[in-house]
């Protein structure tokens, strides 16, 4: 089977994951990162809970591991980890060398300790398959808590006329969850608030709603 051009592979991957996730994916959508900056992934959902990066790397012509190009993939994975998404995916158009070694297999083996929280998929023989990581399509309970917490904080912001600090403990008590559970998805809630047009700052154990006078 002939190898796809990188553009055709990117398009095919976007279509596959849109169908697989049931989510409308947007190309080059600016996604908020944990450091306050934004980054454009190949595809992401509008609410920034799903991010996807596509990579089409091959062995060198001499059948060596392409260390220079791999550095780009490592950086892409770091950017995925810096996002607040519930689901973070890197998908490779896999390539076999003359010995039959899978590029994805070698990449994962060499970078396994740096892939925390990221699903690694590969496209091989015309099919997409999960190679490394857990595909739970994000925890539905987490997504529901994000929705409830965002609604609560939006409602609180509309009732206040000055800056308001809302502790994780207060939110947790209102939603009936533990502060630890809330803390694990606080970054996603912060992004959701930004999407709702609510100025806020996520602090260690609270949200500070920066209300306009």
C-alpha atoms as a PDB file:
ATOM      1  CA  UNK A   1       0.000   0.000   0.000  1.00  0.00           C
ATOM      2  CA  UNK A   2       1.458   3.372  -1.020  1.00  0.00           C
ATOM      3  CA  UNK A   3       2.137   5.882   1.732  1.00  0.00           C
ATOM      4  CA  UNK A   4      -0.257   8.815   2.117  1.00  0.00           C
ATOM      5  CA  UNK A   5       0.940  12.362   1.760  1.00  0.00           C
ATOM      6  CA  UNK A   6       1.121  14.088   5.147  1.00  0.00           C
ATOM      7  CA  UNK A   7      -1.835  16.303   4.190  1.00  0.00           C
ATOM      8  CA  UNK A   8      -4.013  13.347   3.183  1.00  0.00           C
ATOM      9  CA  UNK A   9      -3.031  11.521   6.374  1.00  0.00           C
ATOM     10  CA  UNK A  10      -3.939  14.549   8.499  1.00  0.00           C
ATOM     11  CA  UNK A  11      -7.325  14.855   6.793  1.00  0.00           C
ATOM     12  CA  UNK A  12      -8.022  11.135   7.166  1.00  0.00           C
ATOM     13  CA  UNK A  13      -7.041  11.198  10.845  1.00  0.00           C
ATOM     14  CA  UNK A  14      -9.294  14.177  11.525  1.00  0.00           C
ATOM     15  CA  UNK A  15     -12.238  12.378   9.918  1.00  0.00           C
ATOM     16  CA  UNK A  16     -11.534   9.139  11.802  1.00  0.00           C
ATOM     17  CA  UNK A  17     -11.301  10.717  15.255  1.00  0.00           C
ATOM     18  CA  UNK A  18     -14.342  12.911  14.670  1.00  0.00           C
ATOM     19  CA  UNK A  19     -16.325   9.717  14.009  1.00  0.00           C
ATOM     20  CA  UNK A  20     -14.594   7.741  16.774  1.00  0.00           C
ATOM     21  CA  UNK A  21     -15.239  10.390  19.424  1.00  0.00           C
ATOM     22  CA  UNK A  22     -18.546  11.755  18.157  1.00  0.00           C
ATOM     23  CA  UNK A  23     -17.069  15.243  18.550  1.00  0.00           C
ATOM     24  CA  UNK A  24     -16.831  18.012  15.962  1.00  0.00           C
ATOM     25  CA  UNK A  25     -13.118  18.650  15.532  1.00  0.00           C
ATOM     26  CA  UNK A  26     -11.743  21.954  14.316  1.00  0.00           C
ATOM     27  CA  UNK A  27      -8.385  22.333  12.551  1.00  0.00           C
ATOM     28  CA  UNK A  28      -5.837  24.746  14.018  1.00  0.00           C
ATOM     29  CA  UNK A  29      -8.130  25.929  16.828  1.00  0.00           C
ATOM     30  CA  UNK A  30      -6.244  27.991  19.487  1.00  0.00           C
ATOM     31  CA  UNK A  31      -6.218  25.955  22.706  1.00  0.00           C
ATOM     32  CA  UNK A  32      -5.387  27.406  26.118  1.00  0.00           C
ATOM     33  CA  UNK A  33      -2.385  25.824  27.853  1.00  0.00           C
ATOM     34  CA  UNK A  34      -1.597  25.466  31.538  1.00  0.00           C
ATOM     35  CA  UNK A  35       0.952  28.295  31.311  1.00  0.00           C
ATOM     36  CA  UNK A  36      -1.682  30.761  30.094  1.00  0.00           C
ATOM     37  CA  UNK A  37      -0.523  30.749  26.468  1.00  0.00           C
ATOM     38  CA  UNK A  38      -2.355  29.204  23.510  1.00  0.00           C
ATOM     39  CA  UNK A  39      -1.309  26.609  20.954  1.00  0.00           C
ATOM     40  CA  UNK A  40      -2.863  25.404  17.706  1.00  0.00           C
ATOM     41  CA  UNK A  41      -3.020  21.615  17.467  1.00  0.00           C
ATOM     42  CA  UNK A  42      -3.860  19.854  14.215  1.00  0.00           C
ATOM     43  CA  UNK A  43      -7.392  19.267  15.535  1.00  0.00           C
ATOM     44  CA  UNK A  44      -9.287  20.056  18.728  1.00  0.00           C
ATOM     45  CA  UNK A  45     -12.819  20.370  19.987  1.00  0.00           C
ATOM     46  CA  UNK A  46     -14.225  23.850  20.452  1.00  0.00           C
ATOM     47  CA  UNK A  47     -14.459  23.321  24.224  1.00  0.00           C
ATOM     48  CA  UNK A  48     -10.775  22.261  24.220  1.00  0.00           C
ATOM     49  CA  UNK A  49     -11.437  18.941  25.961  1.00  0.00           C
ATOM     50  CA  UNK A  50     -10.118  16.929  22.991  1.00  0.00           C
ATOM     51  CA  UNK A  51      -6.801  17.636  21.249  1.00  0.00           C
ATOM     52  CA  UNK A  52      -5.146  15.708  18.422  1.00  0.00           C
ATOM     53  CA  UNK A  53      -1.729  15.955  16.836  1.00  0.00           C
ATOM     54  CA  UNK A  54      -0.837  14.069  13.624  1.00  0.00           C
ATOM     55  CA  UNK A  55       2.700  12.931  12.774  1.00  0.00           C
ATOM     56  CA  UNK A  56       3.940  11.333   9.546  1.00  0.00           C
ATOM     57  CA  UNK A  57       7.515  10.251  10.294  1.00  0.00           C
ATOM     58  CA  UNK A  58       9.605   7.600   8.558  1.00  0.00           C
ATOM     59  CA  UNK A  59      12.877   5.782   9.025  1.00  0.00           C
ATOM     60  CA  UNK A  60      15.751   7.480   7.218  1.00  0.00           C
ATOM     61  CA  UNK A  61      16.763   6.321   3.749  1.00  0.00           C
ATOM     62  CA  UNK A  62      19.614   4.462   5.446  1.00  0.00           C
ATOM     63  CA  UNK A  63      17.036   2.764   7.702  1.00  0.00           C
ATOM     64  CA  UNK A  64      18.112   4.651  10.829  1.00  0.00           C
ATOM     65  CA  UNK A  65      15.927   6.134  13.542  1.00  0.00           C
ATOM     66  CA  UNK A  66      15.252   9.801  12.560  1.00  0.00           C
ATOM     67  CA  UNK A  67      16.385  11.507  15.780  1.00  0.00           C
ATOM     68  CA  UNK A  68      16.003  15.036  14.412  1.00  0.00           C
ATOM     69  CA  UNK A  69      12.397  14.539  13.324  1.00  0.00           C
ATOM     70  CA  UNK A  70      11.614  12.615  16.505  1.00  0.00           C
ATOM     71  CA  UNK A  71      12.471  15.737  18.515  1.00  0.00           C
ATOM     72  CA  UNK A  72       9.532  17.454  16.788  1.00  0.00           C
ATOM     73  CA  UNK A  73       7.225  14.619  17.853  1.00  0.00           C
ATOM     74  CA  UNK A  74       8.511  14.821  21.425  1.00  0.00           C
ATOM     75  CA  UNK A  75       7.781  18.530  21.482  1.00  0.00           C
ATOM     76  CA  UNK A  76       4.268  17.895  20.108  1.00  0.00           C
ATOM     77  CA  UNK A  77       3.617  15.423  22.929  1.00  0.00           C
ATOM     78  CA  UNK A  78       4.851  17.949  25.490  1.00  0.00           C
ATOM     79  CA  UNK A  79       2.387  20.499  24.104  1.00  0.00           C
ATOM     80  CA  UNK A  80      -0.419  17.939  24.382  1.00  0.00           C
ATOM     81  CA  UNK A  81       0.491  17.404  28.023  1.00  0.00           C
ATOM     82  CA  UNK A  82       0.456  21.164  28.611  1.00  0.00           C
ATOM     83  CA  UNK A  83      -3.155  21.377  27.444  1.00  0.00           C
ATOM     84  CA  UNK A  84      -6.110  21.065  29.823  1.00  0.00           C
ATOM     85  CA  UNK A  85      -7.854  18.543  27.569  1.00  0.00           C
ATOM     86  CA  UNK A  86      -9.474  15.440  28.988  1.00  0.00           C
ATOM     87  CA  UNK A  87      -8.313  13.451  25.972  1.00  0.00           C
ATOM     88  CA  UNK A  88      -4.896  13.995  24.362  1.00  0.00           C
ATOM     89  CA  UNK A  89      -3.909  12.024  21.272  1.00  0.00           C
ATOM     90  CA  UNK A  90      -0.897  11.779  18.982  1.00  0.00           C
ATOM     91  CA  UNK A  91      -1.413   9.630  15.885  1.00  0.00           C
ATOM     92  CA  UNK A  92       1.386   8.434  13.614  1.00  0.00           C
ATOM     93  CA  UNK A  93       1.244   7.197  10.040  1.00  0.00           C
ATOM     94  CA  UNK A  94       3.375   4.179  10.919  1.00  0.00           C
ATOM     95  CA  UNK A  95       6.350   3.141   8.801  1.00  0.00           C
ATOM     96  CA  UNK A  96       8.195  -0.178   8.714  1.00  0.00           C
ATOM     97  CA  UNK A  97      11.906  -0.369   7.959  1.00  0.00           C
ATOM     98  CA  UNK A  98      13.525  -3.086   5.829  1.00  0.00           C
ATOM     99  CA  UNK A  99      13.719  -5.344   8.899  1.00  0.00           C
ATOM    100  CA  UNK A 100       9.983  -4.982   9.434  1.00  0.00           C
ATOM    101  CA  UNK A 101      10.377  -2.838  12.565  1.00  0.00           C
ATOM    102  CA  UNK A 102       7.507  -0.479  13.310  1.00  0.00           C
ATOM    103  CA  UNK A 103       8.536   3.139  13.788  1.00  0.00           C
ATOM    104  CA  UNK A 104       5.758   3.606  16.360  1.00  0.00           C
ATOM    105  CA  UNK A 105       6.893   0.544  18.342  1.00  0.00           C
ATOM    106  CA  UNK A 106      10.436   1.898  18.613  1.00  0.00           C
ATOM    107  CA  UNK A 107       9.263   5.436  19.368  1.00  0.00           C
ATOM    108  CA  UNK A 108       7.030   4.277  22.235  1.00  0.00           C
ATOM    109  CA  UNK A 109       9.725   1.996  23.645  1.00  0.00           C
ATOM    110  CA  UNK A 110      12.244   4.850  23.692  1.00  0.00           C
ATOM    111  CA  UNK A 111       9.824   7.479  25.025  1.00  0.00           C
ATOM    112  CA  UNK A 112       7.490   5.456  27.237  1.00  0.00           C
ATOM    113  CA  UNK A 113       8.368   7.421  30.388  1.00  0.00           C
ATOM    114  CA  UNK A 114       7.421  10.706  28.669  1.00  0.00           C
ATOM    115  CA  UNK A 115       3.969   9.702  27.403  1.00  0.00           C
ATOM    116  CA  UNK A 116       1.927  10.135  30.573  1.00  0.00           C
ATOM    117  CA  UNK A 117      -1.678  11.086  29.848  1.00  0.00           C
ATOM    118  CA  UNK A 118      -1.296  10.775  26.079  1.00  0.00           C
ATOM    119  CA  UNK A 119      -2.854   8.164  23.792  1.00  0.00           C
ATOM    120  CA  UNK A 120      -0.514   7.009  21.026  1.00  0.00           C
ATOM    121  CA  UNK A 121      -2.335   5.735  17.938  1.00  0.00           C
ATOM    122  CA  UNK A 122      -0.973   4.479  14.647  1.00  0.00           C
ATOM    123  CA  UNK A 123      -2.289   4.227  11.107  1.00  0.00           C
ATOM    124  CA  UNK A 124      -1.176   0.962   9.532  1.00  0.00           C
ATOM    125  CA  UNK A 125      -2.508  -1.066   6.599  1.00  0.00           C
ATOM    126  CA  UNK A 126      -5.341   1.410   6.141  1.00  0.00           C
ATOM    127  CA  UNK A 127      -6.551   1.164   9.747  1.00  0.00           C
ATOM    128  CA  UNK A 128      -6.234   3.293  12.863  1.00  0.00           C
ATOM    129  CA  UNK A 129      -5.433   1.503  16.105  1.00  0.00           C
ATOM    130  CA  UNK A 130      -4.540   2.460  19.661  1.00  0.00           C
ATOM    131  CA  UNK A 131      -0.937   1.452  20.347  1.00  0.00           C
ATOM    132  CA  UNK A 132      -0.197   2.910  23.789  1.00  0.00           C
ATOM    133  CA  UNK A 133      -2.221   4.601  26.525  1.00  0.00           C
ATOM    134  CA  UNK A 134      -5.761   4.250  27.763  1.00  0.00           C
ATOM    135  CA  UNK A 135      -8.664   5.007  25.469  1.00  0.00           C
ATOM    136  CA  UNK A 136     -11.512   5.761  27.858  1.00  0.00           C
ATOM    137  CA  UNK A 137     -12.776   8.587  25.617  1.00  0.00           C
ATOM    138  CA  UNK A 138     -12.464  10.752  28.742  1.00  0.00           C
ATOM    139  CA  UNK A 139     -14.308   9.988  31.921  1.00  0.00           C
ATOM    140  CA  UNK A 140     -18.011  10.903  31.450  1.00  0.00           C
ATOM    141  CA  UNK A 141     -18.215  11.699  35.172  1.00  0.00           C
ATOM    142  CA  UNK A 142     -15.360  14.216  34.835  1.00  0.00           C
ATOM    143  CA  UNK A 143     -17.022  15.866  31.847  1.00  0.00           C
ATOM    144  CA  UNK A 144     -20.268  16.127  33.816  1.00  0.00           C
ATOM    145  CA  UNK A 145     -18.463  17.706  36.799  1.00  0.00           C
ATOM    146  CA  UNK A 146     -16.766  20.205  34.479  1.00  0.00           C
ATOM    147  CA  UNK A 147     -20.170  21.193  33.120  1.00  0.00           C
ATOM    148  CA  UNK A 148     -21.718  21.545  36.608  1.00  0.00           C
ATOM    149  CA  UNK A 149     -18.760  23.438  38.074  1.00  0.00           C
ATOM    150  CA  UNK A 150     -18.674  25.831  35.129  1.00  0.00           C
ATOM    151  CA  UNK A 151     -22.401  26.520  35.462  1.00  0.00           C
ATOM    152  CA  UNK A 152     -21.999  27.124  39.220  1.00  0.00           C
ATOM    153  CA  UNK A 153     -19.129  29.573  38.764  1.00  0.00           C
ATOM    154  CA  UNK A 154     -20.871  31.381  35.920  1.00  0.00           C
ATOM    155  CA  UNK A 155     -23.968  31.792  38.118  1.00  0.00           C
ATOM    156  CA  UNK A 156     -21.856  33.079  41.017  1.00  0.00           C
ATOM    157  CA  UNK A 157     -20.093  35.570  38.768  1.00  0.00           C
ATOM    158  CA  UNK A 158     -23.423  36.997  37.635  1.00  0.00           C
ATOM    159  CA  UNK A 159     -24.512  37.540  41.242  1.00  0.00           C
ATOM    160  CA  UNK A 160     -21.391  39.408  42.330  1.00  0.00           C
ATOM    161  CA  UNK A 161     -20.305  42.957  41.711  1.00  0.00           C
ATOM    162  CA  UNK A 162     -16.764  42.576  43.068  1.00  0.00           C
ATOM    163  CA  UNK A 163     -14.004  40.020  42.800  1.00  0.00           C
ATOM    164  CA  UNK A 164     -14.972  36.656  44.261  1.00  0.00           C
ATOM    165  CA  UNK A 165     -12.732  33.829  45.441  1.00  0.00           C
ATOM    166  CA  UNK A 166     -14.463  30.451  45.385  1.00  0.00           C
ATOM    167  CA  UNK A 167     -12.560  27.648  47.122  1.00  0.00           C
ATOM    168  CA  UNK A 168     -12.351  24.113  45.769  1.00  0.00           C
ATOM    169  CA  UNK A 169     -13.885  22.985  49.070  1.00  0.00           C
ATOM    170  CA  UNK A 170     -16.961  25.173  48.558  1.00  0.00           C
ATOM    171  CA  UNK A 171     -17.420  23.955  44.981  1.00  0.00           C
ATOM    172  CA  UNK A 172     -16.872  20.341  46.034  1.00  0.00           C
ATOM    173  CA  UNK A 173     -19.447  20.566  48.809  1.00  0.00           C
ATOM    174  CA  UNK A 174     -22.020  22.052  46.439  1.00  0.00           C
ATOM    175  CA  UNK A 175     -21.400  19.374  43.809  1.00  0.00           C
ATOM    176  CA  UNK A 176     -21.007  16.467  46.212  1.00  0.00           C
ATOM    177  CA  UNK A 177     -17.479  15.473  45.155  1.00  0.00           C
ATOM    178  CA  UNK A 178     -14.067  15.508  46.842  1.00  0.00           C
ATOM    179  CA  UNK A 179     -11.691  18.485  46.531  1.00  0.00           C
ATOM    180  CA  UNK A 180      -9.086  16.070  45.115  1.00  0.00           C
ATOM    181  CA  UNK A 181     -11.414  15.059  42.287  1.00  0.00           C
ATOM    182  CA  UNK A 182     -12.090  18.710  41.514  1.00  0.00           C
ATOM    183  CA  UNK A 183      -8.398  19.592  41.597  1.00  0.00           C
ATOM    184  CA  UNK A 184      -7.615  16.970  38.940  1.00  0.00           C
ATOM    185  CA  UNK A 185      -9.877  18.710  36.389  1.00  0.00           C
ATOM    186  CA  UNK A 186      -9.456  22.323  37.553  1.00  0.00           C
ATOM    187  CA  UNK A 187      -7.528  23.233  34.409  1.00  0.00           C
ATOM    188  CA  UNK A 188     -10.389  22.049  32.208  1.00  0.00           C
ATOM    189  CA  UNK A 189     -12.865  24.079  34.282  1.00  0.00           C
ATOM    190  CA  UNK A 190     -10.682  27.165  33.908  1.00  0.00           C
ATOM    191  CA  UNK A 191     -10.660  26.735  30.126  1.00  0.00           C
ATOM    192  CA  UNK A 192     -14.425  26.207  30.135  1.00  0.00           C
ATOM    193  CA  UNK A 193     -14.878  29.478  32.044  1.00  0.00           C
ATOM    194  CA  UNK A 194     -12.752  31.305  29.474  1.00  0.00           C
ATOM    195  CA  UNK A 195     -14.946  29.894  26.728  1.00  0.00           C
ATOM    196  CA  UNK A 196     -17.955  31.294  28.599  1.00  0.00           C
ATOM    197  CA  UNK A 197     -16.324  34.733  28.710  1.00  0.00           C
ATOM    198  CA  UNK A 198     -15.791  34.662  32.491  1.00  0.00           C
ATOM    199  CA  UNK A 199     -12.413  36.171  33.523  1.00  0.00           C
ATOM    200  CA  UNK A 200     -10.906  33.881  36.144  1.00  0.00           C
ATOM    201  CA  UNK A 201      -7.632  32.733  37.641  1.00  0.00           C
ATOM    202  CA  UNK A 202      -7.072  29.207  38.910  1.00  0.00           C
ATOM    203  CA  UNK A 203      -5.087  29.306  42.122  1.00  0.00           C
ATOM    204  CA  UNK A 204      -3.817  26.459  44.321  1.00  0.00           C
ATOM    205  CA  UNK A 205      -7.133  25.663  45.991  1.00  0.00           C
ATOM    206  CA  UNK A 206      -9.601  28.128  44.512  1.00  0.00           C
ATOM    207  CA  UNK A 207     -10.882  30.051  41.522  1.00  0.00           C
ATOM    208  CA  UNK A 208     -10.638  33.837  41.589  1.00  0.00           C
ATOM    209  CA  UNK A 209     -13.423  35.346  39.512  1.00  0.00           C
ATOM    210  CA  UNK A 210     -12.143  38.659  38.159  1.00  0.00           C
ATOM    211  CA  UNK A 211     -15.378  40.541  37.754  1.00  0.00           C
ATOM    212  CA  UNK A 212     -15.666  43.789  35.854  1.00  0.00           C
ATOM    213  CA  UNK A 213     -16.953  46.747  37.803  1.00  0.00           C
END
